[in-house]
Amino acid sequence: MVDQKIETNTTTTSQQAVWARLRQIVTSNKIGSAYLFSGPPGCGKEGTAIKFSQMLNCEINKDNICENCPSCVRSSKLQHENVKIIFPLPTPKKSSDNEDSGIGKKDIDLVTDELHKKSIDPYHKIIIPMANRILIQSIRELRKNLYLKSESSGRKVVLVFDAHLLSEGASESANALLKILEEPPMNTSLILVTSNKSKLPLTITSRCQQIDFPRLSLDAVRELLENDKVENNKAMQLAILSNGDILLAKDLLSRGVDEPLEEAQRLIDNLIRLERDSWRSSIKSHWIR
């Protein structure tokens, strides 16, 4: 079952407690209109948000995920009509008549590819070059779609990744989303996911049920890396260096370092040497004066 999969991938009591709380929300039929999933980078909160949206729309189970019904299949591919994912995008270029021209085909292709990777690996981080904020256009389009009548059954779910980037610029995206939170559509849940909730305005966080995620345990990171065919000793070294951040661990892995701890020690030695040289240079400069 999917909850067992999530628990296996986290292997910490606190992580299991998060999923147990989400299941309790569904079984008690007290599903809220807004949630805030917050926690350190690489702790699995985005993947859990996706699984929660899948559970909310499962056609077979009410407190779990069957993985086999048409709804679960579409959800697993991030192609469910009830689930909308919002994340930072590049600022659109202005056309000659000062209207936003939208993102280009190259960016659309990249977004499609990133979503496909996310559907395969829930720990994958969606990154679009030059994307440093959640666009007001994304929230306006969301608002327009949420209040339209839908023929589909189930619950509409909006996932906002890197939600703290709503506040970038003049906070116009945050203000636009606040209007939705103030008048939430029927049968709809918004899930804001962030590693930096302090950057979100209190007007938004106060309207969300807050669910805090702990770091992944070292064993959890090791197991995830070993599932990707990383040798045990190297996986453990990466887990130690990343301090429970699976995104950082995978980034370190992508750099092709054979012995992560030895490489880290070399970096520390170089930094110490640079600091020592800097002090020597400063002392010499002082005495010369």
C-alpha atoms as a PDB file:
ATOM      1  CA  MET A   1       0.000   0.000   0.000  1.00  0.00           C
ATOM      2  CA  VAL A   2       1.174   3.536  -0.661  1.00  0.00           C
ATOM      3  CA  ASP A   3       1.292   4.578   2.983  1.00  0.00           C
ATOM      4  CA  GLN A   4       3.644   1.687   3.641  1.00  0.00           C
ATOM      5  CA  LYS A   5       5.787   2.874   0.756  1.00  0.00           C
ATOM      6  CA  ILE A   6       5.963   6.354   2.199  1.00  0.00           C
ATOM      7  CA  GLU A   7       6.807   5.019   5.635  1.00  0.00           C
ATOM      8  CA  THR A   8       9.471   2.741   4.195  1.00  0.00           C
ATOM      9  CA  ASN A   9      11.042   5.675   2.407  1.00  0.00           C
ATOM     10  CA  THR A  10      11.134   7.812   5.545  1.00  0.00           C
ATOM     11  CA  THR A  11      11.611   5.213   8.286  1.00  0.00           C
ATOM     12  CA  THR A  12      11.176   7.722  11.097  1.00  0.00           C
ATOM     13  CA  THR A  13       8.395   7.827  13.644  1.00  0.00           C
ATOM     14  CA  SER A  14       7.850  11.560  13.046  1.00  0.00           C
ATOM     15  CA  GLN A  15       7.506  11.090   9.283  1.00  0.00           C
ATOM     16  CA  GLN A  16       5.036   8.262   9.822  1.00  0.00           C
ATOM     17  CA  ALA A  17       3.121  10.542  12.170  1.00  0.00           C
ATOM     18  CA  VAL A  18       2.659  13.086   9.380  1.00  0.00           C
ATOM     19  CA  TRP A  19       1.095  10.519   7.080  1.00  0.00           C
ATOM     20  CA  ALA A  20      -1.032   9.124   9.914  1.00  0.00           C
ATOM     21  CA  ARG A  21      -2.352  12.633  10.548  1.00  0.00           C
ATOM     22  CA  LEU A  22      -3.253  13.064   6.880  1.00  0.00           C
ATOM     23  CA  ARG A  23      -5.069   9.739   6.845  1.00  0.00           C
ATOM     24  CA  GLN A  24      -6.964  10.754   9.971  1.00  0.00           C
ATOM     25  CA  ILE A  25      -8.053  13.962   8.241  1.00  0.00           C
ATOM     26  CA  VAL A  26      -9.598  11.908   5.433  1.00  0.00           C
ATOM     27  CA  THR A  27     -11.176   9.192   7.596  1.00  0.00           C
ATOM     28  CA  SER A  28     -12.751  11.783   9.887  1.00  0.00           C
ATOM     29  CA  ASN A  29     -14.168  13.576   6.849  1.00  0.00           C
ATOM     30  CA  LYS A  30     -12.784  16.872   8.137  1.00  0.00           C
ATOM     31  CA  ILE A  31     -10.878  17.905   5.039  1.00  0.00           C
ATOM     32  CA  GLY A  32      -9.806  21.534   5.192  1.00  0.00           C
ATOM     33  CA  SER A  33      -9.747  24.133   2.454  1.00  0.00           C
ATOM     34  CA  ALA A  34      -6.072  25.035   2.976  1.00  0.00           C
ATOM     35  CA  TYR A  35      -2.938  23.352   4.311  1.00  0.00           C
ATOM     36  CA  LEU A  36       0.640  24.487   4.744  1.00  0.00           C
ATOM     37  CA  PHE A  37       3.260  21.743   4.429  1.00  0.00           C
ATOM     38  CA  SER A  38       6.561  23.092   5.720  1.00  0.00           C
ATOM     39  CA  GLY A  39       9.903  21.557   6.541  1.00  0.00           C
ATOM     40  CA  PRO A  40      13.571  21.499   5.571  1.00  0.00           C
ATOM     41  CA  PRO A  41      14.620  20.941   1.940  1.00  0.00           C
ATOM     42  CA  GLY A  42      14.622  17.374   0.712  1.00  0.00           C
ATOM     43  CA  CYS A  43      12.337  15.943   3.408  1.00  0.00           C
ATOM     44  CA  GLY A  44       9.637  14.642   1.041  1.00  0.00           C
ATOM     45  CA  LYS A  45       6.887  17.189   1.670  1.00  0.00           C
ATOM     46  CA  GLU A  46       6.155  17.740  -2.036  1.00  0.00           C
ATOM     47  CA  GLY A  47       5.847  14.020  -2.692  1.00  0.00           C
ATOM     48  CA  THR A  48       3.590  13.663   0.336  1.00  0.00           C
ATOM     49  CA  ALA A  49       1.410  16.519  -0.942  1.00  0.00           C
ATOM     50  CA  ILE A  50       1.031  14.671  -4.246  1.00  0.00           C
ATOM     51  CA  LYS A  51       0.108  11.441  -2.441  1.00  0.00           C
ATOM     52  CA  PHE A  52      -2.385  13.308  -0.263  1.00  0.00           C
ATOM     53  CA  SER A  53      -4.091  14.703  -3.366  1.00  0.00           C
ATOM     54  CA  GLN A  54      -4.151  11.171  -4.765  1.00  0.00           C
ATOM     55  CA  MET A  55      -5.789   9.847  -1.609  1.00  0.00           C
ATOM     56  CA  LEU A  56      -8.407  12.610  -1.702  1.00  0.00           C
ATOM     57  CA  ASN A  57      -9.476  11.453  -5.170  1.00  0.00           C
ATOM     58  CA  CYS A  58      -9.090   7.666  -4.899  1.00  0.00           C
ATOM     59  CA  GLU A  59     -12.246   5.970  -6.176  1.00  0.00           C
ATOM     60  CA  ILE A  60     -11.829   2.797  -4.100  1.00  0.00           C
ATOM     61  CA  ASN A  61     -10.478   3.632  -0.642  1.00  0.00           C
ATOM     62  CA  LYS A  62     -11.456   6.515   1.588  1.00  0.00           C
ATOM     63  CA  ASP A  63      -8.443   6.357   3.910  1.00  0.00           C
ATOM     64  CA  ASN A  64      -5.740   5.032   1.625  1.00  0.00           C
ATOM     65  CA  ILE A  65      -4.630   4.854  -1.996  1.00  0.00           C
ATOM     66  CA  CYS A  66      -5.493   1.839  -4.097  1.00  0.00           C
ATOM     67  CA  GLU A  67      -3.003   2.780  -6.871  1.00  0.00           C
ATOM     68  CA  ASN A  68      -5.149   0.914  -9.420  1.00  0.00           C
ATOM     69  CA  CYS A  69      -8.347   2.888 -10.010  1.00  0.00           C
ATOM     70  CA  PRO A  70      -8.409   5.286 -12.997  1.00  0.00           C
ATOM     71  CA  SER A  71      -8.167   8.267 -10.656  1.00  0.00           C
ATOM     72  CA  CYS A  72      -5.050   6.929  -8.906  1.00  0.00           C
ATOM     73  CA  VAL A  73      -3.414   6.095 -12.228  1.00  0.00           C
ATOM     74  CA  ARG A  74      -3.962   9.628 -13.530  1.00  0.00           C
ATOM     75  CA  SER A  75      -2.775  11.083 -10.242  1.00  0.00           C
ATOM     76  CA  SER A  76       0.425   9.030 -10.292  1.00  0.00           C
ATOM     77  CA  LYS A  77       1.193  10.466 -13.734  1.00  0.00           C
ATOM     78  CA  LEU A  78       0.379  14.012 -12.525  1.00  0.00           C
ATOM     79  CA  GLN A  79      -2.354  14.137 -15.155  1.00  0.00           C
ATOM     80  CA  HIS A  80      -5.451  14.228 -12.958  1.00  0.00           C
ATOM     81  CA  GLU A  81      -8.035  16.790 -14.001  1.00  0.00           C
ATOM     82  CA  ASN A  82      -8.769  17.640 -10.353  1.00  0.00           C
ATOM     83  CA  VAL A  83      -5.157  18.356  -9.399  1.00  0.00           C
ATOM     84  CA  LYS A  84      -3.397  21.581 -10.341  1.00  0.00           C
ATOM     85  CA  ILE A  85       0.306  22.068  -9.616  1.00  0.00           C
ATOM     86  CA  ILE A  86       1.707  25.588  -9.386  1.00  0.00           C
ATOM     87  CA  PHE A  87       5.424  26.343  -9.137  1.00  0.00           C
ATOM     88  CA  PRO A  88       7.814  29.173 -10.035  1.00  0.00           C
ATOM     89  CA  LEU A  89       8.030  30.076 -13.724  1.00  0.00           C
ATOM     90  CA  PRO A  90      10.099  32.590 -15.705  1.00  0.00           C
ATOM     91  CA  THR A  91       8.637  36.079 -15.928  1.00  0.00           C
ATOM     92  CA  PRO A  92       6.901  36.385 -19.318  1.00  0.00           C
ATOM     93  CA  LYS A  93       8.368  38.768 -21.844  1.00  0.00           C
ATOM     94  CA  LYS A  94       6.403  41.851 -22.749  1.00  0.00           C
ATOM     95  CA  SER A  95       5.035  42.009 -26.271  1.00  0.00           C
ATOM     96  CA  SER A  96       4.923  45.202 -28.330  1.00  0.00           C
ATOM     97  CA  ASP A  97       1.460  46.091 -27.009  1.00  0.00           C
ATOM     98  CA  ASN A  98       2.666  45.677 -23.380  1.00  0.00           C
ATOM     99  CA  GLU A  99       0.729  42.457 -22.909  1.00  0.00           C
ATOM    100  CA  ASP A 100       2.404  39.455 -21.350  1.00  0.00           C
ATOM    101  CA  SER A 101       3.363  37.097 -24.142  1.00  0.00           C
ATOM    102  CA  GLY A 102       3.397  34.041 -21.857  1.00  0.00           C
ATOM    103  CA  ILE A 103       6.131  31.436 -21.571  1.00  0.00           C
ATOM    104  CA  GLY A 104       7.671  30.172 -24.772  1.00  0.00           C
ATOM    105  CA  LYS A 105       7.494  26.723 -26.314  1.00  0.00           C
ATOM    106  CA  LYS A 106      10.949  25.883 -25.000  1.00  0.00           C
ATOM    107  CA  ASP A 107       9.795  26.583 -21.443  1.00  0.00           C
ATOM    108  CA  ILE A 108       6.577  24.623 -21.992  1.00  0.00           C
ATOM    109  CA  ASP A 109       8.574  21.614 -23.159  1.00  0.00           C
ATOM    110  CA  LEU A 110      10.840  21.947 -20.131  1.00  0.00           C
ATOM    111  CA  VAL A 111       7.866  22.186 -17.760  1.00  0.00           C
ATOM    112  CA  THR A 112       6.358  19.055 -19.309  1.00  0.00           C
ATOM    113  CA  ASP A 113       9.655  17.217 -18.906  1.00  0.00           C
ATOM    114  CA  GLU A 114      10.039  18.343 -15.285  1.00  0.00           C
ATOM    115  CA  LEU A 115       6.520  17.203 -14.421  1.00  0.00           C
ATOM    116  CA  HIS A 116       7.248  13.826 -16.004  1.00  0.00           C
ATOM    117  CA  LYS A 117      10.374  13.478 -13.850  1.00  0.00           C
ATOM    118  CA  LYS A 118       8.348  14.447 -10.786  1.00  0.00           C
ATOM    119  CA  SER A 119       5.772  11.754 -11.566  1.00  0.00           C
ATOM    120  CA  ILE A 120       8.548   9.155 -11.650  1.00  0.00           C
ATOM    121  CA  ASP A 121      10.482  10.433  -8.621  1.00  0.00           C
ATOM    122  CA  PRO A 122       8.447  12.321  -5.979  1.00  0.00           C
ATOM    123  CA  TYR A 123      11.732  13.630  -4.541  1.00  0.00           C
ATOM    124  CA  HIS A 124      12.664  15.287  -7.830  1.00  0.00           C
ATOM    125  CA  LYS A 125      12.838  19.074  -7.529  1.00  0.00           C
ATOM    126  CA  ILE A 126      11.146  20.963 -10.353  1.00  0.00           C
ATOM    127  CA  ILE A 127      13.568  23.646 -11.484  1.00  0.00           C
ATOM    128  CA  ILE A 128      12.909  25.947 -14.451  1.00  0.00           C
ATOM    129  CA  PRO A 129      15.792  28.273 -15.445  1.00  0.00           C
ATOM    130  CA  MET A 130      15.163  31.966 -14.655  1.00  0.00           C
ATOM    131  CA  ALA A 131      12.144  31.061 -12.518  1.00  0.00           C
ATOM    132  CA  ASN A 132      12.390  33.006  -9.274  1.00  0.00           C
ATOM    133  CA  ARG A 133       8.764  33.690  -8.382  1.00  0.00           C
ATOM    134  CA  ILE A 134       5.243  32.325  -8.630  1.00  0.00           C
ATOM    135  CA  LEU A 135       3.610  34.397 -11.313  1.00  0.00           C
ATOM    136  CA  ILE A 136       0.470  36.438 -10.841  1.00  0.00           C
ATOM    137  CA  GLN A 137      -0.707  34.956 -14.159  1.00  0.00           C
ATOM    138  CA  SER A 138      -0.634  31.480 -12.597  1.00  0.00           C
ATOM    139  CA  ILE A 139      -2.856  32.604  -9.702  1.00  0.00           C
ATOM    140  CA  ARG A 140      -5.261  34.482 -11.959  1.00  0.00           C
ATOM    141  CA  GLU A 141      -5.687  31.436 -14.166  1.00  0.00           C
ATOM    142  CA  LEU A 142      -6.135  29.271 -11.085  1.00  0.00           C
ATOM    143  CA  ARG A 143      -8.816  31.553  -9.681  1.00  0.00           C
ATOM    144  CA  LYS A 144     -10.694  31.502 -12.983  1.00  0.00           C
ATOM    145  CA  ASN A 145     -10.642  27.701 -13.175  1.00  0.00           C
ATOM    146  CA  LEU A 146     -11.466  26.964  -9.528  1.00  0.00           C
ATOM    147  CA  TYR A 147     -14.788  28.752  -9.594  1.00  0.00           C
ATOM    148  CA  LEU A 148     -15.964  27.072 -12.784  1.00  0.00           C
ATOM    149  CA  LYS A 149     -18.386  24.193 -12.418  1.00  0.00           C
ATOM    150  CA  SER A 150     -16.751  20.850 -13.062  1.00  0.00           C
ATOM    151  CA  GLU A 151     -18.292  17.647 -14.350  1.00  0.00           C
ATOM    152  CA  SER A 152     -15.622  15.482 -12.719  1.00  0.00           C
ATOM    153  CA  SER A 153     -16.167  13.800  -9.375  1.00  0.00           C
ATOM    154  CA  GLY A 154     -13.732  13.875  -6.491  1.00  0.00           C
ATOM    155  CA  ARG A 155     -12.063  16.860  -4.872  1.00  0.00           C
ATOM    156  CA  LYS A 156     -10.160  19.672  -6.534  1.00  0.00           C
ATOM    157  CA  VAL A 157      -6.655  20.000  -5.112  1.00  0.00           C
ATOM    158  CA  VAL A 158      -4.144  22.778  -5.757  1.00  0.00           C
ATOM    159  CA  LEU A 159      -0.479  22.125  -4.938  1.00  0.00           C
ATOM    160  CA  VAL A 160       1.677  25.241  -4.656  1.00  0.00           C
ATOM    161  CA  PHE A 161       5.361  24.272  -4.574  1.00  0.00           C
ATOM    162  CA  ASP A 162       7.911  26.794  -3.242  1.00  0.00           C
ATOM    163  CA  ALA A 163       4.973  28.746  -1.864  1.00  0.00           C
ATOM    164  CA  HIS A 164       7.252  31.315  -0.204  1.00  0.00           C
ATOM    165  CA  LEU A 165       7.980  32.644  -3.706  1.00  0.00           C
ATOM    166  CA  LEU A 166       4.433  33.978  -3.783  1.00  0.00           C
ATOM    167  CA  SER A 167       5.869  36.896  -1.834  1.00  0.00           C
ATOM    168  CA  GLU A 168       8.549  37.821  -4.368  1.00  0.00           C
ATOM    169  CA  GLY A 169       8.265  41.132  -6.190  1.00  0.00           C
ATOM    170  CA  ALA A 170       5.376  43.218  -4.923  1.00  0.00           C
ATOM    171  CA  SER A 171       3.658  40.191  -3.329  1.00  0.00           C
ATOM    172  CA  GLU A 172       0.902  40.477  -5.920  1.00  0.00           C
ATOM    173  CA  SER A 173       0.720  36.679  -6.262  1.00  0.00           C
ATOM    174  CA  ALA A 174       0.367  36.282  -2.495  1.00  0.00           C
ATOM    175  CA  ASN A 175      -2.403  38.882  -2.428  1.00  0.00           C
ATOM    176  CA  ALA A 176      -4.210  37.160  -5.286  1.00  0.00           C
ATOM    177  CA  LEU A 177      -4.004  33.787  -3.553  1.00  0.00           C
ATOM    178  CA  LEU A 178      -5.225  35.346  -0.312  1.00  0.00           C
ATOM    179  CA  LYS A 179      -8.483  36.253  -2.043  1.00  0.00           C
ATOM    180  CA  ILE A 180      -8.994  32.576  -2.872  1.00  0.00           C
ATOM    181  CA  LEU A 181      -8.228  31.552   0.713  1.00  0.00           C
ATOM    182  CA  GLU A 182     -10.691  34.136   2.022  1.00  0.00           C
ATOM    183  CA  GLU A 183     -13.478  32.744  -0.173  1.00  0.00           C
ATOM    184  CA  PRO A 184     -12.454  29.101  -0.772  1.00  0.00           C
ATOM    185  CA  PRO A 185     -14.344  27.293  -3.540  1.00  0.00           C
ATOM    186  CA  MET A 186     -16.527  24.365  -2.560  1.00  0.00           C
ATOM    187  CA  ASN A 187     -14.936  20.911  -2.481  1.00  0.00           C
ATOM    188  CA  THR A 188     -11.433  22.328  -2.953  1.00  0.00           C
ATOM    189  CA  SER A 189      -8.209  22.098  -0.959  1.00  0.00           C
ATOM    190  CA  LEU A 190      -5.118  24.234  -1.465  1.00  0.00           C
ATOM    191  CA  ILE A 191      -1.808  22.785  -0.246  1.00  0.00           C
ATOM    192  CA  LEU A 192       1.051  25.245   0.062  1.00  0.00           C
ATOM    193  CA  VAL A 193       4.462  23.578   0.271  1.00  0.00           C
ATOM    194  CA  THR A 194       7.533  25.473   1.412  1.00  0.00           C
ATOM    195  CA  SER A 195      10.959  25.214   3.017  1.00  0.00           C
ATOM    196  CA  ASN A 196      10.725  28.802   4.240  1.00  0.00           C
ATOM    197  CA  LYS A 197       7.302  29.527   5.693  1.00  0.00           C
ATOM    198  CA  SER A 198       8.581  32.628   7.504  1.00  0.00           C
ATOM    199  CA  LYS A 199       8.573  34.400   4.123  1.00  0.00           C
ATOM    200  CA  LEU A 200       4.839  33.852   3.724  1.00  0.00           C
ATOM    201  CA  PRO A 201       2.587  36.618   5.068  1.00  0.00           C
ATOM    202  CA  LEU A 202       0.687  35.883   8.262  1.00  0.00           C
ATOM    203  CA  THR A 203      -2.572  36.567   6.437  1.00  0.00           C
ATOM    204  CA  ILE A 204      -1.918  33.403   4.408  1.00  0.00           C
ATOM    205  CA  THR A 205      -0.375  31.105   7.023  1.00  0.00           C
ATOM    206  CA  SER A 206      -3.148  31.899   9.514  1.00  0.00           C
ATOM    207  CA  ARG A 207      -5.711  30.524   7.063  1.00  0.00           C
ATOM    208  CA  CYS A 208      -3.907  27.210   6.624  1.00  0.00           C
ATOM    209  CA  GLN A 209      -3.779  24.096   8.755  1.00  0.00           C
ATOM    210  CA  GLN A 210      -0.037  23.772   9.338  1.00  0.00           C
ATOM    211  CA  ILE A 211       1.704  20.429   9.043  1.00  0.00           C
ATOM    212  CA  ASP A 212       5.420  20.405   9.846  1.00  0.00           C
ATOM    213  CA  PHE A 213       7.745  17.823   8.313  1.00  0.00           C
ATOM    214  CA  PRO A 214      10.951  16.650  10.029  1.00  0.00           C
ATOM    215  CA  ARG A 215      14.203  15.871   8.286  1.00  0.00           C
ATOM    216  CA  LEU A 216      14.592  12.445   6.790  1.00  0.00           C
ATOM    217  CA  SER A 217      16.710  10.133   8.906  1.00  0.00           C
ATOM    218  CA  LEU A 218      20.178   9.175   7.680  1.00  0.00           C
ATOM    219  CA  ASP A 219      18.929   5.616   7.160  1.00  0.00           C
ATOM    220  CA  ALA A 220      16.024   6.912   5.072  1.00  0.00           C
ATOM    221  CA  VAL A 221      18.367   8.867   2.786  1.00  0.00           C
ATOM    222  CA  ARG A 222      20.687   5.878   2.548  1.00  0.00           C
ATOM    223  CA  GLU A 223      17.794   3.575   1.593  1.00  0.00           C
ATOM    224  CA  LEU A 224      16.565   6.004  -1.063  1.00  0.00           C
ATOM    225  CA  LEU A 225      20.039   6.201  -2.589  1.00  0.00           C
ATOM    226  CA  GLU A 226      20.457   2.441  -2.461  1.00  0.00           C
ATOM    227  CA  ASN A 227      17.132   2.129  -4.305  1.00  0.00           C
ATOM    228  CA  ASP A 228      18.854   4.130  -7.045  1.00  0.00           C
ATOM    229  CA  LYS A 229      21.651   1.519  -7.126  1.00  0.00           C
ATOM    230  CA  VAL A 230      24.147   3.530  -5.057  1.00  0.00           C
ATOM    231  CA  GLU A 231      26.631   1.325  -3.196  1.00  0.00           C
ATOM    232  CA  ASN A 232      25.945   1.057   0.548  1.00  0.00           C
ATOM    233  CA  ASN A 233      29.091   2.756   1.885  1.00  0.00           C
ATOM    234  CA  LYS A 234      28.824   5.659  -0.548  1.00  0.00           C
ATOM    235  CA  ALA A 235      25.105   6.022   0.167  1.00  0.00           C
ATOM    236  CA  MET A 236      25.797   6.306   3.893  1.00  0.00           C
ATOM    237  CA  GLN A 237      28.528   8.894   3.338  1.00  0.00           C
ATOM    238  CA  LEU A 238      26.181  10.979   1.186  1.00  0.00           C
ATOM    239  CA  ALA A 239      23.450  10.665   3.802  1.00  0.00           C
ATOM    240  CA  ILE A 240      25.825  11.982   6.479  1.00  0.00           C
ATOM    241  CA  LEU A 241      27.014  14.902   4.335  1.00  0.00           C
ATOM    242  CA  SER A 242      23.480  15.877   3.299  1.00  0.00           C
ATOM    243  CA  ASN A 243      22.104  15.774   6.868  1.00  0.00           C
ATOM    244  CA  GLY A 244      18.792  14.251   5.849  1.00  0.00           C
ATOM    245  CA  ASP A 245      18.354  16.279   2.643  1.00  0.00           C
ATOM    246  CA  ILE A 246      17.756  13.802  -0.191  1.00  0.00           C
ATOM    247  CA  LEU A 247      17.936  16.605  -2.770  1.00  0.00           C
ATOM    248  CA  LEU A 248      21.415  17.595  -1.595  1.00  0.00           C
ATOM    249  CA  ALA A 249      22.479  13.947  -1.453  1.00  0.00           C
ATOM    250  CA  LYS A 250      21.418  13.422  -5.085  1.00  0.00           C
ATOM    251  CA  ASP A 251      23.117  16.650  -6.108  1.00  0.00           C
ATOM    252  CA  LEU A 252      26.364  15.483  -4.510  1.00  0.00           C
ATOM    253  CA  LEU A 253      25.939  12.146  -6.237  1.00  0.00           C
ATOM    254  CA  SER A 254      25.502  13.817  -9.634  1.00  0.00           C
ATOM    255  CA  ARG A 255      28.918  15.439  -9.278  1.00  0.00           C
ATOM    256  CA  GLY A 256      30.579  12.077  -9.650  1.00  0.00           C
ATOM    257  CA  VAL A 257      32.606  12.115  -6.423  1.00  0.00           C
ATOM    258  CA  ASP A 258      33.827   8.600  -5.658  1.00  0.00           C
ATOM    259  CA  GLU A 259      34.606   9.127  -1.966  1.00  0.00           C
ATOM    260  CA  PRO A 260      32.285  11.864  -0.613  1.00  0.00           C
ATOM    261  CA  LEU A 261      33.794  12.051   2.877  1.00  0.00           C
ATOM    262  CA  GLU A 262      37.341  12.314   1.517  1.00  0.00           C
ATOM    263  CA  GLU A 263      36.237  15.018  -0.909  1.00  0.00           C
ATOM    264  CA  ALA A 264      34.536  16.897   1.937  1.00  0.00           C
ATOM    265  CA  GLN A 265      37.691  16.666   4.042  1.00  0.00           C
ATOM    266  CA  ARG A 266      39.755  18.043   1.144  1.00  0.00           C
ATOM    267  CA  LEU A 267      37.316  20.948   0.858  1.00  0.00           C
ATOM    268  CA  ILE A 268      37.573  21.661   4.586  1.00  0.00           C
ATOM    269  CA  ASP A 269      41.386  21.527   4.413  1.00  0.00           C
ATOM    270  CA  ASN A 270      41.362  23.973   1.501  1.00  0.00           C
ATOM    271  CA  LEU A 271      39.067  26.355   3.362  1.00  0.00           C
ATOM    272  CA  ILE A 272      41.285  26.198   6.453  1.00  0.00           C
ATOM    273  CA  ARG A 273      44.349  26.852   4.279  1.00  0.00           C
ATOM    274  CA  LEU A 274      42.660  29.824   2.621  1.00  0.00           C
ATOM    275  CA  GLU A 275      41.655  31.215   6.005  1.00  0.00           C
ATOM    276  CA  ARG A 276      45.202  30.771   7.325  1.00  0.00           C
ATOM    277  CA  ASP A 277      46.651  32.496   4.258  1.00  0.00           C
ATOM    278  CA  SER A 278      44.135  35.304   4.639  1.00  0.00           C
ATOM    279  CA  TRP A 279      45.168  35.882   8.265  1.00  0.00           C
ATOM    280  CA  ARG A 280      48.848  35.899   7.308  1.00  0.00           C
ATOM    281  CA  SER A 281      48.190  38.410   4.543  1.00  0.00           C
ATOM    282  CA  SER A 282      46.202  40.611   6.906  1.00  0.00           C
ATOM    283  CA  ILE A 283      48.943  40.545   9.563  1.00  0.00           C
ATOM    284  CA  LYS A 284      51.647  41.388   7.041  1.00  0.00           C
ATOM    285  CA  SER A 285      49.566  44.237   5.680  1.00  0.00           C
ATOM    286  CA  HIS A 286      49.030  45.586   9.207  1.00  0.00           C
ATOM    287  CA  TRP A 287      52.735  45.568  10.126  1.00  0.00           C
ATOM    288  CA  ILE A 288      53.798  47.061   6.833  1.00  0.00           C
ATOM    289  CA  ARG A 289      51.654  50.066   7.644  1.00  0.00           C
END
